[in-house]
Amino acid sequence: MSEVSTQLPTDPISAVGVVTSLNKAPDGYYVVAQTTDGSDADLWKDGLFKSKVTRYLCFTRKTGLDVVVDMKVMDVKEALPEGFTPVEQTMDTKETAMRKRRLCVKTSPRAAAVTAVHDIQITTKSKYQLVNYTCIGEINNMFMWYRMGDVRQPSRESSSEAKSDAAPNTARRRTMSRPDCENQSSGNYTITALDDVPFVVSEKFFEKPKEMQQVNLMGITIKSLAEIEEEFNYNFSTERSIVV
């Protein structure tokens, strides 16, 4: 038994492919260039004849709608399992991805997945086993392994808490803007905190109006109401003589 890494990658694998060269992988893709013991991880190489053709496995953990939930290495003559998609072409040149064998991948919507593939490794020895990894098949005397892990989903509780936090803040802003008014709807009539409050002019404005001092502002004399009435008072009830 051998342990490649005790730490599981945080994000699950979202897509798997094959490329013809180590430097031709798409952006965001990791290429499995070597086996766990440091050997070349070329999936196309022939044990008897040296070939210029090379194939390397690659994968990405870019966050997307889908995640990889299962993988299988199968003979090309075997029937394709339900829900699996074969990796038939290279991502960079659209050539045949593998010979005699084919890699099949099963994906699932991330929101519906509980577990998914988080890591992929390749070994060169059949008796060489990886801790916490599952062997999915053999390609050119090499063995492919994957490791499963939980899929983290957005917390519904955190979303509801964020909404509940926003509500008090909104109410607080409303209270700060109009602290003296709390509106309640009752049909088409709006009830406020000022309803049923009598509005009365203070008695101090009626006390001793005659004692108010005259103020002269830029030649304009300000008089009280009593002084104005006294100065301009006119009796319109003058008796008229009636001739019969």
C-alpha atoms as a PDB file:
ATOM      1  CA  MET A   1       0.000   0.000   0.000  1.00  0.00           C
ATOM      2  CA  SER A   2       1.168   3.539  -0.706  1.00  0.00           C
ATOM      3  CA  GLU A   3      -0.233   6.915   0.227  1.00  0.00           C
ATOM      4  CA  VAL A   4       0.108   9.643  -2.416  1.00  0.00           C
ATOM      5  CA  SER A   5      -1.397  12.437  -0.361  1.00  0.00           C
ATOM      6  CA  THR A   6      -3.349  12.491   2.877  1.00  0.00           C
ATOM      7  CA  GLN A   7      -4.951  15.810   1.994  1.00  0.00           C
ATOM      8  CA  LEU A   8      -7.954  15.637  -0.307  1.00  0.00           C
ATOM      9  CA  PRO A   9      -8.229  18.499  -2.815  1.00  0.00           C
ATOM     10  CA  THR A  10     -11.022  20.855  -1.834  1.00  0.00           C
ATOM     11  CA  ASP A  11     -12.716  21.131  -5.229  1.00  0.00           C
ATOM     12  CA  PRO A  12     -14.008  18.149  -7.235  1.00  0.00           C
ATOM     13  CA  ILE A  13     -12.951  17.452 -10.806  1.00  0.00           C
ATOM     14  CA  SER A  14     -15.386  18.958 -13.291  1.00  0.00           C
ATOM     15  CA  ALA A  15     -14.006  17.618 -16.607  1.00  0.00           C
ATOM     16  CA  VAL A  16     -11.522  15.016 -17.912  1.00  0.00           C
ATOM     17  CA  GLY A  17      -9.751  14.859 -21.267  1.00  0.00           C
ATOM     18  CA  VAL A  18      -6.716  13.650 -23.237  1.00  0.00           C
ATOM     19  CA  VAL A  19      -4.069  15.780 -24.999  1.00  0.00           C
ATOM     20  CA  THR A  20      -1.263  14.898 -27.414  1.00  0.00           C
ATOM     21  CA  SER A  21       1.428  16.924 -25.655  1.00  0.00           C
ATOM     22  CA  LEU A  22       2.244  18.096 -22.152  1.00  0.00           C
ATOM     23  CA  ASN A  23       2.182  21.754 -23.190  1.00  0.00           C
ATOM     24  CA  LYS A  24      -1.093  21.644 -25.133  1.00  0.00           C
ATOM     25  CA  ALA A  25      -3.570  21.309 -22.304  1.00  0.00           C
ATOM     26  CA  PRO A  26      -6.339  23.940 -22.153  1.00  0.00           C
ATOM     27  CA  ASP A  27      -6.112  26.713 -19.589  1.00  0.00           C
ATOM     28  CA  GLY A  28      -7.016  25.529 -16.129  1.00  0.00           C
ATOM     29  CA  TYR A  29      -6.264  21.854 -16.885  1.00  0.00           C
ATOM     30  CA  TYR A  30      -3.710  19.766 -15.012  1.00  0.00           C
ATOM     31  CA  VAL A  31      -1.759  17.164 -17.019  1.00  0.00           C
ATOM     32  CA  VAL A  32      -0.846  13.821 -15.435  1.00  0.00           C
ATOM     33  CA  ALA A  33       2.674  13.726 -16.880  1.00  0.00           C
ATOM     34  CA  GLN A  34       4.175  11.083 -14.593  1.00  0.00           C
ATOM     35  CA  THR A  35       3.126   8.008 -12.689  1.00  0.00           C
ATOM     36  CA  THR A  36       3.384   7.877  -8.913  1.00  0.00           C
ATOM     37  CA  ASP A  37       6.903   6.388  -9.158  1.00  0.00           C
ATOM     38  CA  GLY A  38       8.143   9.059 -11.603  1.00  0.00           C
ATOM     39  CA  SER A  39       7.767   7.181 -14.913  1.00  0.00           C
ATOM     40  CA  ASP A  40       6.339   8.717 -18.078  1.00  0.00           C
ATOM     41  CA  ALA A  41       2.538   8.561 -17.963  1.00  0.00           C
ATOM     42  CA  ASP A  42       2.102   8.385 -21.765  1.00  0.00           C
ATOM     43  CA  LEU A  43      -1.124   6.457 -22.423  1.00  0.00           C
ATOM     44  CA  TRP A  44      -0.221   5.613 -26.063  1.00  0.00           C
ATOM     45  CA  LYS A  45       3.346   4.282 -25.816  1.00  0.00           C
ATOM     46  CA  ASP A  46       4.146   0.832 -27.196  1.00  0.00           C
ATOM     47  CA  GLY A  47       6.297  -1.519 -25.171  1.00  0.00           C
ATOM     48  CA  LEU A  48       8.033  -2.960 -28.277  1.00  0.00           C
ATOM     49  CA  PHE A  49       8.372  -0.019 -30.650  1.00  0.00           C
ATOM     50  CA  LYS A  50       9.133   3.582 -29.874  1.00  0.00           C
ATOM     51  CA  SER A  51       6.370   5.811 -31.181  1.00  0.00           C
ATOM     52  CA  LYS A  52       6.266   9.539 -31.740  1.00  0.00           C
ATOM     53  CA  VAL A  53       2.592   9.545 -30.805  1.00  0.00           C
ATOM     54  CA  THR A  54       1.870  10.483 -27.199  1.00  0.00           C
ATOM     55  CA  ARG A  55      -1.295  10.816 -25.135  1.00  0.00           C
ATOM     56  CA  TYR A  56      -1.624  12.292 -21.666  1.00  0.00           C
ATOM     57  CA  LEU A  57      -4.555  12.446 -19.308  1.00  0.00           C
ATOM     58  CA  CYS A  58      -5.656  15.889 -18.132  1.00  0.00           C
ATOM     59  CA  PHE A  59      -8.413  17.224 -15.895  1.00  0.00           C
ATOM     60  CA  THR A  60      -9.714  20.446 -14.409  1.00  0.00           C
ATOM     61  CA  ARG A  61     -11.316  21.530 -11.164  1.00  0.00           C
ATOM     62  CA  LYS A  62     -12.832  24.687 -12.590  1.00  0.00           C
ATOM     63  CA  THR A  63     -16.138  25.399 -10.924  1.00  0.00           C
ATOM     64  CA  GLY A  64     -18.961  24.580 -13.310  1.00  0.00           C
ATOM     65  CA  LEU A  65     -22.462  23.200 -13.469  1.00  0.00           C
ATOM     66  CA  ASP A  66     -21.272  19.559 -13.545  1.00  0.00           C
ATOM     67  CA  VAL A  67     -18.817  17.375 -11.621  1.00  0.00           C
ATOM     68  CA  VAL A  68     -17.284  13.978 -12.433  1.00  0.00           C
ATOM     69  CA  VAL A  69     -18.890  11.299 -10.266  1.00  0.00           C
ATOM     70  CA  ASP A  70     -17.481   8.102 -11.825  1.00  0.00           C
ATOM     71  CA  MET A  71     -14.868   6.842 -14.318  1.00  0.00           C
ATOM     72  CA  LYS A  72     -14.126   3.547 -16.064  1.00  0.00           C
ATOM     73  CA  VAL A  73     -11.363   2.226 -18.344  1.00  0.00           C
ATOM     74  CA  MET A  74     -12.924  -0.259 -20.775  1.00  0.00           C
ATOM     75  CA  ASP A  75     -12.158  -2.284 -23.874  1.00  0.00           C
ATOM     76  CA  VAL A  76     -13.315  -0.566 -27.055  1.00  0.00           C
ATOM     77  CA  LYS A  77     -15.597  -3.538 -27.797  1.00  0.00           C
ATOM     78  CA  GLU A  78     -17.412  -3.343 -24.473  1.00  0.00           C
ATOM     79  CA  ALA A  79     -20.858  -1.788 -24.317  1.00  0.00           C
ATOM     80  CA  LEU A  80     -20.913   1.727 -22.944  1.00  0.00           C
ATOM     81  CA  PRO A  81     -22.461   1.819 -19.444  1.00  0.00           C
ATOM     82  CA  GLU A  82     -25.567   3.919 -18.995  1.00  0.00           C
ATOM     83  CA  GLY A  83     -24.825   7.522 -18.080  1.00  0.00           C
ATOM     84  CA  PHE A  84     -21.148   7.358 -19.186  1.00  0.00           C
ATOM     85  CA  THR A  85     -19.542   9.367 -21.986  1.00  0.00           C
ATOM     86  CA  PRO A  86     -16.385   8.105 -23.749  1.00  0.00           C
ATOM     87  CA  VAL A  87     -13.338  10.349 -24.188  1.00  0.00           C
ATOM     88  CA  GLU A  88     -12.850   9.622 -27.894  1.00  0.00           C
ATOM     89  CA  GLN A  89     -10.794  12.569 -29.167  1.00  0.00           C
ATOM     90  CA  THR A  90      -7.858  14.621 -27.954  1.00  0.00           C
ATOM     91  CA  MET A  91      -8.743  18.096 -26.787  1.00  0.00           C
ATOM     92  CA  ASP A  92      -5.994  19.833 -28.779  1.00  0.00           C
ATOM     93  CA  THR A  93      -5.968  18.042 -32.173  1.00  0.00           C
ATOM     94  CA  LYS A  94      -9.253  16.075 -32.245  1.00  0.00           C
ATOM     95  CA  GLU A  95      -7.341  12.844 -32.944  1.00  0.00           C
ATOM     96  CA  THR A  96      -8.118   9.418 -31.482  1.00  0.00           C
ATOM     97  CA  ALA A  97      -7.605   9.622 -27.749  1.00  0.00           C
ATOM     98  CA  MET A  98      -6.581   6.012 -27.049  1.00  0.00           C
ATOM     99  CA  ARG A  99      -6.091   2.680 -28.790  1.00  0.00           C
ATOM    100  CA  LYS A 100      -7.661  -0.634 -27.779  1.00  0.00           C
ATOM    101  CA  ARG A 101      -8.965   0.936 -24.580  1.00  0.00           C
ATOM    102  CA  ARG A 102     -11.200   3.899 -23.874  1.00  0.00           C
ATOM    103  CA  LEU A 103     -11.795   6.110 -20.893  1.00  0.00           C
ATOM    104  CA  CYS A 104     -15.446   6.674 -19.971  1.00  0.00           C
ATOM    105  CA  VAL A 105     -16.632   9.465 -17.675  1.00  0.00           C
ATOM    106  CA  LYS A 106     -19.893   9.996 -15.839  1.00  0.00           C
ATOM    107  CA  THR A 107     -20.912  13.492 -14.786  1.00  0.00           C
ATOM    108  CA  SER A 108     -23.701  14.872 -12.653  1.00  0.00           C
ATOM    109  CA  PRO A 109     -25.089  18.341 -11.933  1.00  0.00           C
ATOM    110  CA  ARG A 110     -23.109  19.763  -9.046  1.00  0.00           C
ATOM    111  CA  ALA A 111     -26.262  20.661  -7.115  1.00  0.00           C
ATOM    112  CA  ALA A 112     -27.415  17.022  -7.225  1.00  0.00           C
ATOM    113  CA  ALA A 113     -24.055  15.384  -6.436  1.00  0.00           C
ATOM    114  CA  VAL A 114     -23.206  14.164  -2.939  1.00  0.00           C
ATOM    115  CA  THR A 115     -19.752  12.758  -3.774  1.00  0.00           C
ATOM    116  CA  ALA A 116     -17.483  13.249  -6.789  1.00  0.00           C
ATOM    117  CA  VAL A 117     -13.986  12.485  -8.103  1.00  0.00           C
ATOM    118  CA  HIS A 118     -11.442  14.807  -6.490  1.00  0.00           C
ATOM    119  CA  ASP A 119      -8.120  13.384  -7.752  1.00  0.00           C
ATOM    120  CA  ILE A 120      -6.669  11.033 -10.400  1.00  0.00           C
ATOM    121  CA  GLN A 121      -3.358   9.155 -10.258  1.00  0.00           C
ATOM    122  CA  ILE A 122      -1.580   6.656 -12.531  1.00  0.00           C
ATOM    123  CA  THR A 123       0.667   3.803 -11.356  1.00  0.00           C
ATOM    124  CA  THR A 124       2.948   1.388 -13.248  1.00  0.00           C
ATOM    125  CA  LYS A 125       2.755  -1.665 -10.995  1.00  0.00           C
ATOM    126  CA  SER A 126      -0.303  -3.877 -10.618  1.00  0.00           C
ATOM    127  CA  LYS A 127       0.502  -4.665  -6.986  1.00  0.00           C
ATOM    128  CA  TYR A 128       1.049  -1.016  -6.190  1.00  0.00           C
ATOM    129  CA  GLN A 129      -2.075   0.253  -4.389  1.00  0.00           C
ATOM    130  CA  LEU A 130      -2.973   3.766  -3.340  1.00  0.00           C
ATOM    131  CA  VAL A 131      -4.590   4.459   0.013  1.00  0.00           C
ATOM    132  CA  ASN A 132      -8.124   5.896  -0.303  1.00  0.00           C
ATOM    133  CA  TYR A 133      -8.014   5.490  -4.112  1.00  0.00           C
ATOM    134  CA  THR A 134     -10.029   3.171  -6.367  1.00  0.00           C
ATOM    135  CA  CYS A 135      -8.495   1.468  -9.428  1.00  0.00           C
ATOM    136  CA  ILE A 136     -10.696   1.941 -12.512  1.00  0.00           C
ATOM    137  CA  GLY A 137      -8.694  -0.032 -15.083  1.00  0.00           C
ATOM    138  CA  GLU A 138      -5.455  -0.670 -16.979  1.00  0.00           C
ATOM    139  CA  ILE A 139      -3.990   1.151 -19.995  1.00  0.00           C
ATOM    140  CA  ASN A 140      -0.654   0.057 -21.534  1.00  0.00           C
ATOM    141  CA  ASN A 141       0.505  -1.712 -18.377  1.00  0.00           C
ATOM    142  CA  MET A 142      -0.409   1.335 -16.306  1.00  0.00           C
ATOM    143  CA  PHE A 143      -3.255   1.548 -13.826  1.00  0.00           C
ATOM    144  CA  MET A 144      -5.557   4.520 -13.362  1.00  0.00           C
ATOM    145  CA  TRP A 145      -6.933   5.430  -9.945  1.00  0.00           C
ATOM    146  CA  TYR A 146      -9.355   8.033  -8.634  1.00  0.00           C
ATOM    147  CA  ARG A 147     -10.234   9.334  -5.194  1.00  0.00           C
ATOM    148  CA  MET A 148     -13.750  10.308  -4.170  1.00  0.00           C
ATOM    149  CA  GLY A 149     -14.750  13.102  -1.846  1.00  0.00           C
ATOM    150  CA  ASP A 150     -17.778  15.073  -0.690  1.00  0.00           C
ATOM    151  CA  VAL A 151     -19.214  17.859  -2.810  1.00  0.00           C
ATOM    152  CA  ARG A 152     -19.638  21.066  -0.870  1.00  0.00           C
ATOM    153  CA  GLN A 153     -22.956  22.752  -1.537  1.00  0.00           C
ATOM    154  CA  PRO A 154     -23.877  26.381  -0.756  1.00  0.00           C
ATOM    155  CA  SER A 155     -25.364  26.501   2.728  1.00  0.00           C
ATOM    156  CA  ARG A 156     -29.060  27.307   2.753  1.00  0.00           C
ATOM    157  CA  GLU A 157     -28.804  28.389   6.382  1.00  0.00           C
ATOM    158  CA  SER A 158     -26.170  30.999   5.547  1.00  0.00           C
ATOM    159  CA  SER A 159     -28.390  32.327   2.756  1.00  0.00           C
ATOM    160  CA  SER A 160     -31.390  32.576   5.079  1.00  0.00           C
ATOM    161  CA  GLU A 161     -29.257  34.202   7.767  1.00  0.00           C
ATOM    162  CA  ALA A 162     -28.037  36.782   5.267  1.00  0.00           C
ATOM    163  CA  LYS A 163     -31.643  37.592   4.364  1.00  0.00           C
ATOM    164  CA  SER A 164     -32.670  37.828   8.029  1.00  0.00           C
ATOM    165  CA  ASP A 165     -29.737  40.147   8.717  1.00  0.00           C
ATOM    166  CA  ALA A 166     -30.763  42.369   5.831  1.00  0.00           C
ATOM    167  CA  ALA A 167     -34.318  42.742   7.155  1.00  0.00           C
ATOM    168  CA  PRO A 168     -33.383  44.321  10.535  1.00  0.00           C
ATOM    169  CA  ASN A 169     -30.932  46.626   8.784  1.00  0.00           C
ATOM    170  CA  THR A 170     -33.671  47.805   6.448  1.00  0.00           C
ATOM    171  CA  ALA A 171     -36.033  48.366   9.354  1.00  0.00           C
ATOM    172  CA  ARG A 172     -33.300  50.211  11.233  1.00  0.00           C
ATOM    173  CA  ARG A 173     -32.716  52.556   8.303  1.00  0.00           C
ATOM    174  CA  ARG A 174     -36.436  53.266   8.119  1.00  0.00           C
ATOM    175  CA  THR A 175     -36.539  54.036  11.840  1.00  0.00           C
ATOM    176  CA  MET A 176     -33.586  56.392  11.571  1.00  0.00           C
ATOM    177  CA  SER A 177     -35.116  58.284   8.665  1.00  0.00           C
ATOM    178  CA  ARG A 178     -38.527  58.776  10.345  1.00  0.00           C
ATOM    179  CA  PRO A 179     -38.256  58.028  14.074  1.00  0.00           C
ATOM    180  CA  ASP A 180     -41.551  59.762  14.866  1.00  0.00           C
ATOM    181  CA  CYS A 181     -43.704  57.928  12.402  1.00  0.00           C
ATOM    182  CA  GLU A 182     -44.694  54.300  12.210  1.00  0.00           C
ATOM    183  CA  ASN A 183     -47.011  53.671   9.294  1.00  0.00           C
ATOM    184  CA  GLN A 184     -49.601  50.945   9.304  1.00  0.00           C
ATOM    185  CA  SER A 185     -51.897  50.273   6.405  1.00  0.00           C
ATOM    186  CA  SER A 186     -55.596  49.856   7.081  1.00  0.00           C
ATOM    187  CA  GLY A 187     -57.419  49.625   3.785  1.00  0.00           C
ATOM    188  CA  ASN A 188     -56.852  52.886   1.943  1.00  0.00           C
ATOM    189  CA  TYR A 189     -56.224  54.841   5.107  1.00  0.00           C
ATOM    190  CA  THR A 190     -52.769  55.310   6.602  1.00  0.00           C
ATOM    191  CA  ILE A 191     -52.508  55.498  10.375  1.00  0.00           C
ATOM    192  CA  THR A 192     -49.549  57.375  11.829  1.00  0.00           C
ATOM    193  CA  ALA A 193     -48.245  58.070  15.304  1.00  0.00           C
ATOM    194  CA  LEU A 194     -49.541  61.687  15.015  1.00  0.00           C
ATOM    195  CA  ASP A 195     -53.176  60.631  14.639  1.00  0.00           C
ATOM    196  CA  ASP A 196     -55.551  61.758  17.448  1.00  0.00           C
ATOM    197  CA  VAL A 197     -52.964  64.244  18.744  1.00  0.00           C
ATOM    198  CA  PRO A 198     -54.678  67.671  19.310  1.00  0.00           C
ATOM    199  CA  PHE A 199     -52.921  70.673  17.813  1.00  0.00           C
ATOM    200  CA  VAL A 200     -53.353  73.735  20.082  1.00  0.00           C
ATOM    201  CA  VAL A 201     -51.556  77.066  19.889  1.00  0.00           C
ATOM    202  CA  SER A 202     -49.693  77.746  23.098  1.00  0.00           C
ATOM    203  CA  GLU A 203     -51.341  80.252  25.456  1.00  0.00           C
ATOM    204  CA  LYS A 204     -48.105  82.215  25.769  1.00  0.00           C
ATOM    205  CA  PHE A 205     -48.797  83.782  22.391  1.00  0.00           C
ATOM    206  CA  PHE A 206     -52.010  85.349  23.720  1.00  0.00           C
ATOM    207  CA  GLU A 207     -50.701  86.717  27.013  1.00  0.00           C
ATOM    208  CA  LYS A 208     -50.470  90.506  27.278  1.00  0.00           C
ATOM    209  CA  PRO A 209     -50.223  91.329  23.581  1.00  0.00           C
ATOM    210  CA  LYS A 210     -50.244  95.042  24.338  1.00  0.00           C
ATOM    211  CA  GLU A 211     -47.017  94.774  26.287  1.00  0.00           C
ATOM    212  CA  MET A 212     -45.104  93.538  23.241  1.00  0.00           C
ATOM    213  CA  GLN A 213     -42.377  96.001  22.411  1.00  0.00           C
ATOM    214  CA  GLN A 214     -42.320  97.650  19.035  1.00  0.00           C
ATOM    215  CA  VAL A 215     -39.407  96.687  16.877  1.00  0.00           C
ATOM    216  CA  ASN A 216     -38.084  98.989  14.188  1.00  0.00           C
ATOM    217  CA  LEU A 217     -36.297  97.007  11.488  1.00  0.00           C
ATOM    218  CA  MET A 218     -34.877  99.091   8.597  1.00  0.00           C
ATOM    219  CA  GLY A 219     -37.590 101.719   9.031  1.00  0.00           C
ATOM    220  CA  ILE A 220     -40.365  99.178   9.311  1.00  0.00           C
ATOM    221  CA  THR A 221     -42.213  99.185  12.597  1.00  0.00           C
ATOM    222  CA  ILE A 222     -43.475  95.808  13.715  1.00  0.00           C
ATOM    223  CA  LYS A 223     -46.690  96.091  15.726  1.00  0.00           C
ATOM    224  CA  SER A 224     -48.780  93.611  17.569  1.00  0.00           C
ATOM    225  CA  LEU A 225     -52.223  92.598  16.417  1.00  0.00           C
ATOM    226  CA  ALA A 226     -53.868  94.611  19.197  1.00  0.00           C
ATOM    227  CA  GLU A 227     -51.953  97.760  18.196  1.00  0.00           C
ATOM    228  CA  ILE A 228     -52.961  97.369  14.565  1.00  0.00           C
ATOM    229  CA  GLU A 229     -56.633  96.934  15.462  1.00  0.00           C
ATOM    230  CA  GLU A 230     -56.537  99.963  17.764  1.00  0.00           C
ATOM    231  CA  GLU A 231     -54.898 102.202  15.169  1.00  0.00           C
ATOM    232  CA  PHE A 232     -57.004 101.275  12.189  1.00  0.00           C
ATOM    233  CA  ASN A 233     -60.294 100.549  13.917  1.00  0.00           C
ATOM    234  CA  TYR A 234     -63.336 101.949  12.082  1.00  0.00           C
ATOM    235  CA  ASN A 235     -66.949 101.684  13.092  1.00  0.00           C
ATOM    236  CA  PHE A 236     -69.058 100.616  10.127  1.00  0.00           C
ATOM    237  CA  SER A 237     -72.277 100.653  12.170  1.00  0.00           C
ATOM    238  CA  THR A 238     -72.975 104.391  11.570  1.00  0.00           C
ATOM    239  CA  GLU A 239     -76.637 105.174  11.730  1.00  0.00           C
ATOM    240  CA  ARG A 240     -78.219 106.291   8.493  1.00  0.00           C
ATOM    241  CA  SER A 241     -81.262 108.560   8.323  1.00  0.00           C
ATOM    242  CA  ILE A 242     -84.168 107.147   6.451  1.00  0.00           C
ATOM    243  CA  VAL A 243     -86.461 109.513   4.558  1.00  0.00           C
ATOM    244  CA  VAL A 244     -90.065 108.364   4.384  1.00  0.00           C
END
